[in-house]
Amino acid sequence: MRKLIIGLLCLAGLAVVIDFGAAAYTEYHVSRQLRTGADLSADPEVTFHGFPFTAQAMAGRYDNVAIRARSMRPDIPGEIGIEATLNGLHAPASQLLDGEARSVQVDRVDARMRIEPTELGRLFGIPDLQVHTRPADKSDGTGGSGGSGMTTGGALVLTGTLPTAPNGRVLGAGVTPSNSAPRVRVQIQADLMLDGDLVRIQATGFYQDKNSGPADTTKTSESEILEADRGAVLERFSRTIDTKELPFGVRPTEVEALGGHIVVEGVGRNVTIDLDRLQQP
């Protein structure tokens, strides 16, 4: 009886090893196909969740497939993160392994694009840019859309330093400051909105933290910016970003600031996706 139990345990362990090995082998092949199709600089991370994997492969339906990749875009300096979660992926295992699974049916696709603080700083030309959320202090009664077809993603506080000239004027975005140029710290309130495929970050004014006391010197008030520069400063903190669709052509439906990142999300249900279309050119 003891030998039988040990033998069964060994068989079970071997089955688990084979199952994880089959999953890893499939993940590798799908990752290579995604990299080639999207012209990525590195293999994306592909994970087939759920156990046992072999049962899913035999049925030709995979419960949950998570994809994460880093992507270069000409309009955003650095790299952005693109992610997709495929729930209910229908494809024969043989097609996934030999790269023939181009168009596959998926019950649900959760797609995301993530712009990190470093890339946001480069995009704005403000290397130390920080993005924070703030409580909304007004409502237009339109359920967050403003009546313009835009979806409001939240109210932001953008913080960063800008170089100034000896006369106190803030240097423009196209001017290269010297290393010794003084800098002024600015806090701007802005709205984060999704307008179709466009993410809009619109500066609305200078932000005053009501919790800051008079001894707080880390914040710069509007009065410390020359009046002639205030409009240009607000323009420096405003940007429009084209999402270029999300992974697999999913349309964006939400945008939010999360942990200093700008995250754009969209959901597709009962769709056919092209595994060569992880990223749009």
Protein backbone atom coordinates (compact mmCIF):
# COMPACT_ATOMS: atom_id res chain seq x y z
CA MET A 1 0.00 0.00 0.00
CA ARG A 2 2.83 2.37 0.87
CA LYS A 3 4.53 1.71 -2.47
CA LEU A 4 1.23 2.27 -4.27
CA ILE A 5 0.73 5.61 -2.54
CA ILE A 6 4.29 6.67 -3.33
CA GLY A 7 3.84 5.60 -6.93
CA LEU A 8 0.60 7.61 -7.26
CA LEU A 9 2.25 10.65 -5.74
CA CYS A 10 5.13 10.37 -8.19
CA LEU A 11 2.71 10.09 -11.10
CA ALA A 12 0.79 13.13 -9.85
CA GLY A 13 4.00 15.10 -9.51
CA LEU A 14 5.08 14.07 -13.00
CA ALA A 15 1.70 15.12 -14.39
CA VAL A 16 2.05 18.55 -12.77
CA VAL A 17 5.55 18.96 -14.22
CA ILE A 18 4.33 17.96 -17.68
CA ASP A 19 1.36 20.32 -17.39
CA PHE A 20 3.51 23.32 -16.43
CA GLY A 21 6.02 22.42 -19.11
CA ALA A 22 3.30 22.33 -21.77
CA ALA A 23 2.01 25.70 -20.58
CA ALA A 24 5.49 27.23 -20.67
CA TYR A 25 6.14 25.83 -24.14
CA THR A 26 2.89 27.32 -25.45
CA GLU A 27 3.56 30.65 -23.73
CA TYR A 28 6.93 30.86 -25.47
CA HIS A 29 5.48 30.25 -28.93
CA VAL A 30 2.63 32.72 -28.46
CA SER A 31 5.07 35.30 -27.09
CA ARG A 32 7.30 34.96 -30.16
CA GLN A 33 4.31 35.33 -32.48
CA LEU A 34 3.12 38.45 -30.66
CA ARG A 35 6.59 39.99 -30.80
CA THR A 36 6.94 39.39 -34.52
CA GLY A 37 3.45 40.61 -35.38
CA ALA A 38 3.70 43.79 -33.29
CA ASP A 39 7.38 44.46 -34.10
CA LEU A 40 8.30 44.67 -30.41
CA SER A 41 11.86 45.06 -29.16
CA ALA A 42 11.50 42.17 -26.69
CA ASP A 43 9.31 39.13 -26.13
CA PRO A 44 6.12 40.06 -24.29
CA GLU A 45 5.24 38.27 -21.08
CA VAL A 46 2.53 35.67 -21.76
CA THR A 47 0.92 33.64 -18.96
CA PHE A 48 -1.74 30.96 -19.33
CA HIS A 49 -3.57 30.87 -16.01
CA GLY A 50 -5.68 27.97 -14.81
CA PHE A 51 -4.90 24.36 -13.98
CA PRO A 52 -4.65 21.91 -15.54
CA PHE A 53 -3.40 23.56 -18.73
CA THR A 54 -3.53 20.31 -20.71
CA ALA A 55 -7.29 20.03 -20.12
CA GLN A 56 -7.76 23.54 -21.52
CA ALA A 57 -5.55 22.71 -24.49
CA MET A 58 -7.53 19.55 -25.26
CA ALA A 59 -10.77 21.51 -25.12
CA GLY A 60 -9.33 24.31 -27.24
CA ARG A 61 -10.50 26.95 -24.76
CA TYR A 62 -8.20 28.82 -22.36
CA ASP A 63 -9.76 30.43 -19.31
CA ASN A 64 -7.38 33.33 -18.76
CA VAL A 65 -4.38 34.50 -20.78
CA ALA A 66 -2.44 37.52 -19.52
CA ILE A 67 -0.17 39.49 -21.88
CA ARG A 68 2.20 42.29 -20.87
CA ALA A 69 4.64 44.10 -23.16
CA ARG A 70 6.76 47.23 -23.49
CA SER A 71 6.31 49.26 -26.62
CA MET A 72 8.02 52.19 -28.34
CA ARG A 73 5.92 54.93 -29.92
CA PRO A 74 7.18 57.87 -31.99
CA ASP A 75 4.84 60.34 -30.25
CA ILE A 76 5.74 59.35 -26.66
CA PRO A 77 9.41 59.40 -25.59
CA GLY A 78 10.57 56.16 -23.96
CA GLU A 79 8.38 53.08 -23.62
CA ILE A 80 4.78 52.56 -22.63
CA GLY A 81 3.19 49.47 -21.12
CA ILE A 82 0.52 47.58 -23.02
CA GLU A 83 -1.49 44.82 -21.37
CA ALA A 84 -4.31 42.50 -22.31
CA THR A 85 -6.25 39.84 -20.45
CA LEU A 86 -8.01 37.31 -22.68
CA ASN A 87 -10.82 35.46 -20.94
CA GLY A 88 -12.12 32.49 -22.90
CA LEU A 89 -9.59 32.23 -25.77
CA HIS A 90 -10.74 29.65 -28.36
CA ALA A 91 -7.95 28.09 -30.42
CA PRO A 92 -6.57 24.58 -31.04
CA ALA A 93 -3.27 23.99 -29.25
CA SER A 94 -1.62 22.93 -32.52
CA GLN A 95 -2.34 26.35 -34.08
CA LEU A 96 -0.92 28.20 -31.08
CA LEU A 97 2.28 26.17 -31.28
CA ASP A 98 2.91 26.45 -35.01
CA GLY A 99 1.92 30.13 -35.26
CA GLU A 100 -1.12 29.52 -37.48
CA ALA A 101 -3.56 30.97 -34.94
CA ARG A 102 -3.97 34.41 -36.45
CA SER A 103 -7.64 35.20 -35.89
CA VAL A 104 -9.07 33.67 -32.72
CA GLN A 105 -12.36 34.04 -30.90
CA VAL A 106 -12.26 35.51 -27.38
CA ASP A 107 -15.16 35.80 -24.95
CA ARG A 108 -13.76 38.95 -23.32
CA VAL A 109 -10.70 41.14 -23.83
CA ASP A 110 -9.58 43.62 -21.17
CA ALA A 111 -7.01 45.89 -22.81
CA ARG A 112 -4.87 48.56 -21.16
CA MET A 113 -2.24 51.16 -22.04
CA ARG A 114 -0.09 52.48 -19.23
CA ILE A 115 2.07 55.63 -19.43
CA GLU A 116 4.51 55.76 -16.52
CA PRO A 117 5.77 58.87 -14.67
CA THR A 118 9.15 58.91 -16.44
CA GLU A 119 7.54 58.87 -19.88
CA LEU A 120 5.00 61.50 -18.81
CA GLY A 121 7.84 63.76 -17.69
CA ARG A 122 9.56 63.38 -21.05
CA LEU A 123 6.30 63.96 -22.91
CA PHE A 124 5.66 67.22 -21.04
CA GLY A 125 9.32 68.25 -21.13
CA ILE A 126 9.27 68.41 -17.32
CA PRO A 127 11.64 65.67 -16.03
CA ASP A 128 10.43 65.83 -12.42
CA LEU A 129 6.72 65.86 -13.30
CA GLN A 130 4.50 64.18 -10.70
CA VAL A 131 0.85 63.26 -11.21
CA HIS A 132 -1.58 63.05 -8.31
CA THR A 133 -5.33 62.73 -8.09
CA ARG A 134 -7.44 65.19 -6.12
CA PRO A 135 -11.06 65.11 -4.97
CA ALA A 136 -13.46 66.60 -7.46
CA ASP A 137 -14.80 69.85 -6.06
CA LYS A 138 -17.52 70.58 -8.57
CA SER A 139 -20.07 68.80 -10.72
CA ASP A 140 -21.76 69.89 -13.89
CA GLY A 141 -24.65 67.46 -13.42
CA THR A 142 -23.85 65.54 -16.61
CA GLY A 143 -22.58 62.38 -14.96
CA GLY A 144 -18.95 63.29 -15.61
CA SER A 145 -19.19 63.83 -19.34
CA GLY A 146 -19.46 67.61 -19.32
CA GLY A 147 -22.09 67.28 -22.05
CA SER A 148 -19.35 67.19 -24.73
CA GLY A 149 -19.03 63.48 -25.43
CA MET A 150 -15.95 63.30 -23.25
CA THR A 151 -15.58 60.89 -20.35
CA THR A 152 -14.03 62.51 -17.32
CA GLY A 153 -11.22 60.41 -15.88
CA GLY A 154 -10.66 62.52 -12.79
CA ALA A 155 -9.22 65.74 -11.44
CA LEU A 156 -5.43 65.88 -11.29
CA VAL A 157 -2.70 67.85 -9.61
CA LEU A 158 0.45 68.13 -11.72
CA THR A 159 3.65 69.16 -9.95
CA GLY A 160 6.98 70.02 -11.51
CA THR A 161 9.73 72.61 -11.76
CA LEU A 162 10.30 74.98 -14.69
CA PRO A 163 13.51 76.89 -15.51
CA THR A 164 13.44 80.67 -15.26
CA ALA A 165 15.54 83.52 -16.61
CA PRO A 166 17.39 85.94 -14.29
CA ASN A 167 14.48 88.38 -14.66
CA GLY A 168 12.06 85.80 -13.28
CA ARG A 169 10.40 84.92 -16.59
CA VAL A 170 9.64 81.23 -17.10
CA LEU A 171 11.63 79.88 -20.05
CA GLY A 172 9.62 78.45 -22.94
CA ALA A 173 9.46 74.75 -23.81
CA GLY A 174 11.81 75.21 -26.79
CA VAL A 175 14.52 76.97 -24.79
CA THR A 176 17.40 74.90 -23.41
CA PRO A 177 18.23 76.24 -19.94
CA SER A 178 21.72 76.34 -18.51
CA ASN A 179 22.59 74.02 -15.65
CA SER A 180 22.69 77.00 -13.30
CA ALA A 181 19.30 78.40 -14.35
CA PRO A 182 17.00 78.87 -11.35
CA ARG A 183 13.83 76.80 -11.29
CA VAL A 184 10.39 77.53 -9.96
CA ARG A 185 8.14 74.82 -8.54
CA VAL A 186 4.59 74.83 -9.85
CA GLN A 187 1.40 72.98 -8.92
CA ILE A 188 -1.31 72.89 -11.56
CA GLN A 189 -4.84 71.55 -11.37
CA ALA A 190 -5.95 69.71 -14.48
CA ASP A 191 -8.76 67.59 -15.87
CA LEU A 192 -8.11 64.12 -17.27
CA MET A 193 -10.58 63.23 -20.03
CA LEU A 194 -11.14 60.61 -22.72
CA ASP A 195 -12.44 62.04 -25.98
CA GLY A 196 -12.95 59.15 -28.37
CA ASP A 197 -9.46 57.70 -28.90
CA LEU A 198 -7.80 60.79 -27.43
CA VAL A 199 -6.62 61.27 -23.85
CA ARG A 200 -6.74 64.94 -22.92
CA ILE A 201 -4.90 66.41 -19.96
CA GLN A 202 -6.15 69.97 -19.71
CA ALA A 203 -4.64 72.38 -17.18
CA THR A 204 -7.38 74.54 -15.66
CA GLY A 205 -5.48 76.71 -13.19
CA PHE A 206 -2.92 76.92 -10.43
CA TYR A 207 -3.55 74.59 -7.52
CA GLN A 208 -3.54 75.74 -3.92
CA ASP A 209 -3.37 73.03 -1.28
CA LYS A 210 -5.74 74.15 1.47
CA ASN A 211 -3.91 71.93 3.95
CA SER A 212 -0.60 73.73 3.45
CA GLY A 213 0.37 76.22 6.10
CA PRO A 214 2.22 79.48 5.54
CA ALA A 215 5.52 77.81 6.48
CA ASP A 216 5.23 75.29 3.64
CA THR A 217 7.81 76.40 1.08
CA THR A 218 7.57 73.32 -1.16
CA LYS A 219 4.50 74.71 -2.95
CA THR A 220 4.53 77.64 -5.35
CA SER A 221 1.45 79.83 -5.58
CA GLU A 222 0.12 81.52 -8.69
CA SER A 223 1.29 84.89 -7.35
CA GLU A 224 4.92 83.76 -7.64
CA ILE A 225 4.57 83.33 -11.42
CA LEU A 226 4.73 86.53 -13.45
CA GLU A 227 1.32 87.34 -14.88
CA ALA A 228 2.70 87.36 -18.42
CA ASP A 229 3.85 83.74 -18.03
CA ARG A 230 0.75 82.18 -16.46
CA GLY A 231 -0.97 81.27 -19.71
CA ALA A 232 2.21 79.69 -21.10
CA VAL A 233 2.74 77.73 -17.88
CA LEU A 234 -0.77 76.29 -18.07
CA GLU A 235 -0.12 75.36 -21.70
CA ARG A 236 3.05 73.50 -20.66
CA PHE A 237 0.93 71.28 -18.41
CA SER A 238 -1.65 70.41 -21.10
CA ARG A 239 -1.31 67.52 -23.54
CA THR A 240 -3.38 65.41 -25.93
CA ILE A 241 -2.36 61.76 -26.41
CA ASP A 242 -3.70 59.54 -29.18
CA THR A 243 -4.25 56.04 -27.80
CA LYS A 244 -4.02 54.59 -31.35
CA GLU A 245 -6.48 51.99 -30.11
CA LEU A 246 -5.61 49.59 -27.32
CA PRO A 247 -4.13 46.10 -27.77
CA PHE A 248 -5.93 44.00 -30.39
CA GLY A 249 -7.88 47.03 -31.65
CA VAL A 250 -10.05 47.40 -28.54
CA ARG A 251 -11.59 50.87 -28.27
CA PRO A 252 -10.77 52.84 -25.09
CA THR A 253 -13.64 53.48 -22.69
CA GLU A 254 -11.96 54.68 -19.47
CA VAL A 255 -8.96 56.68 -18.36
CA GLU A 256 -7.62 57.27 -14.86
CA ALA A 257 -4.52 58.33 -12.97
CA LEU A 258 -3.22 55.48 -10.83
CA GLY A 259 -0.03 55.63 -8.80
CA GLY A 260 1.40 58.41 -10.96
CA HIS A 261 0.55 56.49 -14.15
CA ILE A 262 -2.03 57.39 -16.78
CA VAL A 263 -3.98 54.19 -17.48
CA VAL A 264 -6.34 53.85 -20.46
CA GLU A 265 -8.65 50.83 -20.54
CA GLY A 266 -11.18 49.22 -22.82
CA VAL A 267 -13.24 46.02 -22.96
CA GLY A 268 -14.24 43.88 -25.91
CA ARG A 269 -16.80 41.07 -25.64
CA ASN A 270 -17.29 38.12 -27.99
CA VAL A 271 -14.74 39.42 -30.46
CA THR A 272 -12.37 37.96 -33.00
CA ILE A 273 -8.84 39.23 -32.50
CA ASP A 274 -5.71 38.97 -34.59
CA LEU A 275 -2.71 37.72 -32.63
CA ASP A 276 -0.51 39.73 -35.01
CA ARG A 277 -2.28 42.91 -33.93
CA LEU A 278 -1.19 43.34 -30.33
CA GLN A 279 -0.01 46.86 -31.12
CA GLN A 280 -1.05 49.31 -33.81
CA PRO A 281 1.73 50.96 -35.84
